[in-house]
Amino acid sequence: MPVNPLPILIPLILVWGAITYFLFRWRRLAGGAFVGLSLASLVVVSMNTNVERRFDEQMRYRLVEIGDYCTVEVTTSHGDTVSAGSSELVARLRGRTNDTVRVVMSAWYDFGHLRAFNVQSIDGVTL
């Protein structure tokens, strides 16, 4: 369900505008510095949120069993752990001797931290 940002944005913009107004009335340099720092902060935040990275590489894996359910847990080159898999994939990986599989996935990062991921295939098995 989408979140309505207006109840937060409207007061935030009003407070920012009031601060800017009073800083410009007090000292033009202070008002300009405040606006400049605000724009620089906005640029940094917008460039570091929702960064998409596509992976197509060999990743270490391990099988995780919880009762009758079994899944594959892979570790990306950044050290992030992602769980995915199907019964067909688990059956295929049980007899393998090497500890890496080829994974094709997309990951979204916020300031370098994994926020979301979408695994397309593991070891040639489409998920």
N, C-alpha and C. Protein backbone atom coordinates (compact mmCIF):
# COMPACT_ATOMS: atom_id res chain seq x y z
N MET A 1 0.85 -1.17 0.00
CA MET A 1 0.00 0.00 0.00
C MET A 1 0.89 1.24 0.00
N PRO A 2 0.69 2.15 -0.95
CA PRO A 2 1.52 3.35 -1.01
C PRO A 2 1.29 4.29 0.18
N VAL A 3 2.35 4.98 0.52
CA VAL A 3 2.29 5.91 1.64
C VAL A 3 2.14 7.32 1.08
N ASN A 4 1.26 8.11 1.68
CA ASN A 4 1.06 9.49 1.26
C ASN A 4 2.12 10.36 1.95
N PRO A 5 3.05 10.96 1.19
CA PRO A 5 4.12 11.74 1.81
C PRO A 5 3.71 13.17 2.17
N LEU A 6 2.55 13.63 1.72
CA LEU A 6 2.17 15.04 1.93
C LEU A 6 2.06 15.46 3.40
N PRO A 7 1.52 14.64 4.31
CA PRO A 7 1.45 15.09 5.71
C PRO A 7 2.82 15.37 6.32
N ILE A 8 3.86 14.80 5.78
CA ILE A 8 5.20 15.06 6.28
C ILE A 8 5.88 16.16 5.46
N LEU A 9 5.71 16.12 4.14
CA LEU A 9 6.40 17.07 3.27
C LEU A 9 5.90 18.51 3.42
N ILE A 10 4.62 18.72 3.56
CA ILE A 10 4.08 20.09 3.64
C ILE A 10 4.64 20.83 4.86
N PRO A 11 4.56 20.26 6.08
CA PRO A 11 5.17 20.98 7.21
C PRO A 11 6.68 21.14 7.07
N LEU A 12 7.35 20.13 6.50
CA LEU A 12 8.80 20.21 6.31
C LEU A 12 9.16 21.36 5.37
N ILE A 13 8.44 21.51 4.28
CA ILE A 13 8.70 22.60 3.34
C ILE A 13 8.37 23.95 3.96
N LEU A 14 7.31 24.02 4.74
CA LEU A 14 6.96 25.28 5.41
C LEU A 14 8.02 25.69 6.43
N VAL A 15 8.53 24.74 7.20
CA VAL A 15 9.57 25.04 8.19
C VAL A 15 10.85 25.46 7.47
N TRP A 16 11.22 24.71 6.38
CA TRP A 16 12.41 25.06 5.61
C TRP A 16 12.27 26.47 5.03
N GLY A 17 11.11 26.80 4.50
CA GLY A 17 10.87 28.13 3.93
C GLY A 17 10.96 29.22 4.98
N ALA A 18 10.42 28.97 6.17
CA ALA A 18 10.48 29.97 7.25
C ALA A 18 11.92 30.19 7.70
N ILE A 19 12.68 29.12 7.85
CA ILE A 19 14.08 29.25 8.24
C ILE A 19 14.86 30.02 7.18
N THR A 20 14.62 29.69 5.92
CA THR A 20 15.31 30.38 4.82
C THR A 20 14.96 31.87 4.83
N TYR A 21 13.69 32.18 4.99
CA TYR A 21 13.24 33.57 5.02
C TYR A 21 13.94 34.36 6.13
N PHE A 22 13.95 33.80 7.34
CA PHE A 22 14.56 34.52 8.46
C PHE A 22 16.08 34.62 8.33
N LEU A 23 16.71 33.59 7.77
CA LEU A 23 18.15 33.66 7.56
C LEU A 23 18.51 34.71 6.51
N PHE A 24 17.72 34.81 5.44
CA PHE A 24 17.97 35.83 4.43
C PHE A 24 17.75 37.24 4.99
N ARG A 25 16.77 37.39 5.88
CA ARG A 25 16.53 38.70 6.49
C ARG A 25 17.64 39.05 7.47
N TRP A 26 18.21 38.05 8.16
CA TRP A 26 19.25 38.30 9.13
C TRP A 26 20.58 38.54 8.42
N ARG A 27 21.03 37.61 7.58
CA ARG A 27 22.25 37.75 6.80
C ARG A 27 22.04 37.03 5.48
N ARG A 28 22.34 37.73 4.40
CA ARG A 28 22.19 37.11 3.07
C ARG A 28 23.12 35.91 2.90
N LEU A 29 24.32 36.01 3.43
CA LEU A 29 25.28 34.92 3.31
C LEU A 29 24.79 33.68 4.06
N ALA A 30 24.20 33.86 5.23
CA ALA A 30 23.68 32.72 6.00
C ALA A 30 22.52 32.06 5.25
N GLY A 31 21.65 32.86 4.67
CA GLY A 31 20.54 32.30 3.89
C GLY A 31 21.03 31.55 2.67
N GLY A 32 22.01 32.12 1.97
CA GLY A 32 22.56 31.46 0.78
C GLY A 32 23.27 30.16 1.14
N ALA A 33 24.00 30.18 2.26
CA ALA A 33 24.69 28.97 2.71
C ALA A 33 23.69 27.88 3.09
N PHE A 34 22.59 28.28 3.74
CA PHE A 34 21.56 27.32 4.13
C PHE A 34 20.91 26.69 2.90
N VAL A 35 20.59 27.50 1.91
CA VAL A 35 19.99 26.98 0.68
C VAL A 35 20.99 26.09 -0.06
N GLY A 36 22.25 26.51 -0.13
CA GLY A 36 23.27 25.70 -0.80
C GLY A 36 23.49 24.36 -0.12
N LEU A 37 23.58 24.36 1.20
CA LEU A 37 23.75 23.11 1.93
C LEU A 37 22.51 22.21 1.81
N SER A 38 21.34 22.82 1.78
CA SER A 38 20.12 22.04 1.60
C SER A 38 20.10 21.36 0.24
N LEU A 39 20.49 22.09 -0.80
CA LEU A 39 20.51 21.49 -2.15
C LEU A 39 21.59 20.41 -2.26
N ALA A 40 22.75 20.65 -1.65
CA ALA A 40 23.81 19.65 -1.68
C ALA A 40 23.37 18.37 -0.96
N SER A 41 22.70 18.52 0.17
CA SER A 41 22.19 17.36 0.90
C SER A 41 21.15 16.61 0.10
N LEU A 42 20.28 17.34 -0.58
CA LEU A 42 19.26 16.71 -1.41
C LEU A 42 19.89 15.92 -2.55
N VAL A 43 20.93 16.47 -3.16
CA VAL A 43 21.62 15.77 -4.26
C VAL A 43 22.30 14.50 -3.74
N VAL A 44 22.97 14.57 -2.60
CA VAL A 44 23.66 13.41 -2.04
C VAL A 44 22.66 12.30 -1.69
N VAL A 45 21.56 12.65 -1.06
CA VAL A 45 20.55 11.66 -0.69
C VAL A 45 19.93 11.03 -1.93
N SER A 46 19.59 11.84 -2.93
CA SER A 46 18.94 11.29 -4.12
C SER A 46 19.88 10.41 -4.93
N MET A 47 21.18 10.67 -4.89
CA MET A 47 22.13 9.85 -5.65
C MET A 47 22.51 8.56 -4.92
N ASN A 48 22.23 8.47 -3.62
CA ASN A 48 22.61 7.29 -2.85
C ASN A 48 21.44 6.42 -2.42
N THR A 49 20.24 6.74 -2.83
CA THR A 49 19.10 5.89 -2.52
C THR A 49 18.61 5.22 -3.80
N ASN A 50 18.14 4.00 -3.64
CA ASN A 50 17.59 3.21 -4.74
C ASN A 50 18.61 2.99 -5.86
N VAL A 51 19.85 2.68 -5.48
CA VAL A 51 20.91 2.39 -6.44
C VAL A 51 20.78 0.93 -6.84
N GLU A 52 20.64 0.67 -8.14
CA GLU A 52 20.45 -0.70 -8.62
C GLU A 52 21.78 -1.27 -9.10
N ARG A 53 22.05 -2.50 -8.71
CA ARG A 53 23.24 -3.21 -9.17
C ARG A 53 22.81 -4.57 -9.67
N ARG A 54 23.31 -4.95 -10.83
CA ARG A 54 23.00 -6.26 -11.40
C ARG A 54 24.19 -7.19 -11.17
N PHE A 55 23.89 -8.39 -10.70
CA PHE A 55 24.91 -9.39 -10.46
C PHE A 55 24.77 -10.51 -11.48
N ASP A 56 25.88 -10.95 -12.01
CA ASP A 56 25.96 -12.14 -12.85
C ASP A 56 27.33 -12.75 -12.56
N GLU A 57 27.41 -13.47 -11.45
CA GLU A 57 28.71 -13.94 -10.98
C GLU A 57 28.57 -15.22 -10.18
N GLN A 58 29.72 -15.82 -9.92
CA GLN A 58 29.77 -17.01 -9.07
C GLN A 58 29.66 -16.54 -7.61
N MET A 59 28.76 -17.19 -6.86
CA MET A 59 28.57 -16.84 -5.46
C MET A 59 28.62 -18.11 -4.61
N ARG A 60 29.12 -17.95 -3.41
CA ARG A 60 29.13 -19.07 -2.45
C ARG A 60 27.70 -19.34 -2.02
N TYR A 61 27.39 -20.61 -1.80
CA TYR A 61 26.03 -20.95 -1.38
C TYR A 61 26.08 -21.96 -0.25
N ARG A 62 24.96 -22.08 0.43
CA ARG A 62 24.76 -23.15 1.40
C ARG A 62 23.26 -23.46 1.42
N LEU A 63 22.96 -24.71 1.72
CA LEU A 63 21.56 -25.13 1.80
C LEU A 63 21.10 -24.97 3.24
N VAL A 64 19.95 -24.33 3.42
CA VAL A 64 19.38 -24.10 4.74
C VAL A 64 18.11 -24.93 4.84
N GLU A 65 18.07 -25.81 5.82
CA GLU A 65 16.90 -26.68 6.02
C GLU A 65 16.17 -26.27 7.28
N ILE A 66 14.87 -26.07 7.14
CA ILE A 66 14.00 -25.76 8.27
C ILE A 66 12.85 -26.76 8.21
N GLY A 67 12.95 -27.80 8.97
CA GLY A 67 11.94 -28.86 8.91
C GLY A 67 11.97 -29.54 7.55
N ASP A 68 10.82 -29.57 6.87
CA ASP A 68 10.74 -30.16 5.54
C ASP A 68 11.10 -29.16 4.45
N TYR A 69 11.19 -27.90 4.79
CA TYR A 69 11.47 -26.85 3.82
C TYR A 69 12.97 -26.64 3.70
N CYS A 70 13.47 -26.49 2.47
CA CYS A 70 14.89 -26.25 2.24
C CYS A 70 15.04 -25.12 1.23
N THR A 71 15.98 -24.22 1.46
CA THR A 71 16.22 -23.10 0.57
C THR A 71 17.72 -22.93 0.36
N VAL A 72 18.07 -22.13 -0.63
CA VAL A 72 19.46 -21.85 -0.95
C VAL A 72 19.80 -20.45 -0.47
N GLU A 73 20.90 -20.32 0.25
CA GLU A 73 21.36 -19.02 0.74
C GLU A 73 22.68 -18.71 0.03
N VAL A 74 22.71 -17.62 -0.73
CA VAL A 74 23.92 -17.23 -1.46
C VAL A 74 24.48 -15.96 -0.84
N THR A 75 25.80 -15.79 -0.98
CA THR A 75 26.49 -14.61 -0.46
C THR A 75 27.10 -13.85 -1.62
N THR A 76 26.75 -12.56 -1.76
CA THR A 76 27.24 -11.73 -2.86
C THR A 76 28.69 -11.33 -2.61
N SER A 77 29.28 -10.70 -3.61
CA SER A 77 30.66 -10.23 -3.47
C SER A 77 30.78 -9.10 -2.44
N HIS A 78 29.64 -8.45 -2.11
CA HIS A 78 29.64 -7.40 -1.08
C HIS A 78 29.47 -7.97 0.32
N GLY A 79 29.21 -9.29 0.41
CA GLY A 79 29.00 -9.91 1.71
C GLY A 79 27.55 -9.96 2.13
N ASP A 80 26.62 -9.55 1.27
CA ASP A 80 25.20 -9.61 1.57
C ASP A 80 24.69 -11.03 1.37
N THR A 81 23.82 -11.48 2.26
CA THR A 81 23.26 -12.82 2.17
C THR A 81 21.84 -12.74 1.65
N VAL A 82 21.55 -13.57 0.64
CA VAL A 82 20.25 -13.57 -0.01
C VAL A 82 19.73 -15.00 -0.03
N SER A 83 18.45 -15.20 0.31
CA SER A 83 17.85 -16.53 0.29
C SER A 83 16.88 -16.63 -0.87
N ALA A 84 16.96 -17.74 -1.60
CA ALA A 84 16.05 -18.00 -2.71
C ALA A 84 16.14 -19.47 -3.03
N GLY A 85 15.28 -19.92 -3.90
CA GLY A 85 15.40 -21.31 -4.34
C GLY A 85 14.07 -21.98 -4.52
N SER A 86 14.14 -23.17 -5.08
CA SER A 86 12.98 -24.01 -5.31
C SER A 86 13.37 -25.44 -5.01
N SER A 87 12.41 -26.34 -4.96
CA SER A 87 12.71 -27.73 -4.67
C SER A 87 13.58 -28.34 -5.77
N GLU A 88 13.36 -27.94 -7.02
CA GLU A 88 14.18 -28.43 -8.14
C GLU A 88 15.63 -28.00 -7.96
N LEU A 89 15.84 -26.75 -7.59
CA LEU A 89 17.20 -26.24 -7.40
C LEU A 89 17.89 -26.92 -6.23
N VAL A 90 17.18 -27.10 -5.13
CA VAL A 90 17.77 -27.75 -3.95
C VAL A 90 18.18 -29.17 -4.28
N ALA A 91 17.32 -29.91 -5.01
CA ALA A 91 17.65 -31.28 -5.40
C ALA A 91 18.88 -31.30 -6.31
N ARG A 92 19.02 -30.32 -7.15
CA ARG A 92 20.15 -30.24 -8.07
C ARG A 92 21.45 -29.93 -7.33
N LEU A 93 21.37 -29.07 -6.29
CA LEU A 93 22.58 -28.66 -5.57
C LEU A 93 23.01 -29.63 -4.49
N ARG A 94 22.16 -30.55 -4.07
CA ARG A 94 22.50 -31.48 -2.99
C ARG A 94 23.70 -32.37 -3.35
N GLY A 95 23.81 -32.78 -4.58
CA GLY A 95 24.88 -33.68 -4.97
C GLY A 95 26.16 -32.99 -5.42
N ARG A 96 26.21 -31.68 -5.39
CA ARG A 96 27.40 -30.96 -5.89
C ARG A 96 28.51 -30.97 -4.87
N THR A 97 29.73 -30.93 -5.39
CA THR A 97 30.89 -30.91 -4.50
C THR A 97 31.50 -29.52 -4.38
N ASN A 98 31.35 -28.67 -5.41
CA ASN A 98 31.91 -27.31 -5.30
C ASN A 98 30.96 -26.43 -4.50
N ASP A 99 31.47 -25.32 -4.00
CA ASP A 99 30.67 -24.48 -3.11
C ASP A 99 30.24 -23.16 -3.74
N THR A 100 30.30 -23.04 -5.07
CA THR A 100 29.84 -21.82 -5.73
C THR A 100 28.84 -22.17 -6.83
N VAL A 101 27.94 -21.24 -7.09
CA VAL A 101 26.96 -21.37 -8.17
C VAL A 101 26.91 -20.04 -8.92
N ARG A 102 26.47 -20.09 -10.16
CA ARG A 102 26.32 -18.87 -10.94
C ARG A 102 24.94 -18.27 -10.63
N VAL A 103 24.93 -17.01 -10.21
CA VAL A 103 23.70 -16.34 -9.81
C VAL A 103 23.51 -15.10 -10.67
N VAL A 104 22.29 -14.94 -11.20
CA VAL A 104 21.91 -13.73 -11.93
C VAL A 104 20.82 -13.07 -11.11
N MET A 105 21.09 -11.84 -10.65
CA MET A 105 20.12 -11.15 -9.80
C MET A 105 20.30 -9.64 -9.89
N SER A 106 19.27 -8.93 -9.45
CA SER A 106 19.33 -7.47 -9.31
C SER A 106 19.18 -7.15 -7.83
N ALA A 107 19.93 -6.14 -7.37
CA ALA A 107 19.87 -5.73 -5.98
C ALA A 107 19.77 -4.21 -5.93
N TRP A 108 19.01 -3.71 -4.96
CA TRP A 108 18.85 -2.27 -4.77
C TRP A 108 19.44 -1.90 -3.42
N TYR A 109 20.24 -0.84 -3.43
CA TYR A 109 20.97 -0.41 -2.24
C TYR A 109 20.58 1.01 -1.85
N ASP A 110 20.55 1.26 -0.54
CA ASP A 110 20.41 2.61 0.03
C ASP A 110 21.66 2.87 0.86
N PHE A 111 22.48 3.82 0.42
CA PHE A 111 23.72 4.18 1.10
C PHE A 111 24.58 2.95 1.36
N GLY A 112 24.66 2.04 0.40
CA GLY A 112 25.52 0.87 0.49
C GLY A 112 24.94 -0.32 1.22
N HIS A 113 23.71 -0.23 1.71
CA HIS A 113 23.08 -1.33 2.41
C HIS A 113 21.99 -1.94 1.54
N LEU A 114 21.96 -3.27 1.48
CA LEU A 114 20.98 -3.98 0.66
C LEU A 114 19.58 -3.70 1.16
N ARG A 115 18.72 -3.20 0.27
CA ARG A 115 17.34 -2.90 0.61
C ARG A 115 16.40 -3.95 0.04
N ALA A 116 16.64 -4.36 -1.22
CA ALA A 116 15.75 -5.31 -1.88
C ALA A 116 16.55 -6.08 -2.93
N PHE A 117 16.03 -7.24 -3.31
CA PHE A 117 16.71 -8.02 -4.33
C PHE A 117 15.69 -8.82 -5.13
N ASN A 118 16.10 -9.21 -6.34
CA ASN A 118 15.28 -10.05 -7.21
C ASN A 118 16.21 -11.03 -7.90
N VAL A 119 16.10 -12.31 -7.54
CA VAL A 119 16.95 -13.34 -8.13
C VAL A 119 16.27 -13.87 -9.38
N GLN A 120 16.95 -13.78 -10.52
CA GLN A 120 16.39 -14.30 -11.77
C GLN A 120 16.71 -15.78 -11.94
N SER A 121 17.97 -16.17 -11.71
CA SER A 121 18.32 -17.59 -11.86
C SER A 121 19.51 -17.93 -10.98
N ILE A 122 19.54 -19.19 -10.56
CA ILE A 122 20.65 -19.74 -9.80
C ILE A 122 21.07 -21.02 -10.50
N ASP A 123 22.32 -21.07 -10.92
CA ASP A 123 22.88 -22.24 -11.58
C ASP A 123 22.06 -22.65 -12.80
N GLY A 124 21.53 -21.68 -13.52
CA GLY A 124 20.76 -21.94 -14.73
C GLY A 124 19.31 -22.26 -14.50
N VAL A 125 18.87 -22.37 -13.27
CA VAL A 125 17.46 -22.65 -12.95
C VAL A 125 16.75 -21.33 -12.75
N THR A 126 15.78 -21.03 -13.60
CA THR A 126 15.03 -19.77 -13.50
C THR A 126 14.06 -19.85 -12.33
N LEU A 127 14.08 -18.78 -11.53
CA LEU A 127 13.18 -18.72 -10.36
C LEU A 127 12.00 -17.84 -10.60
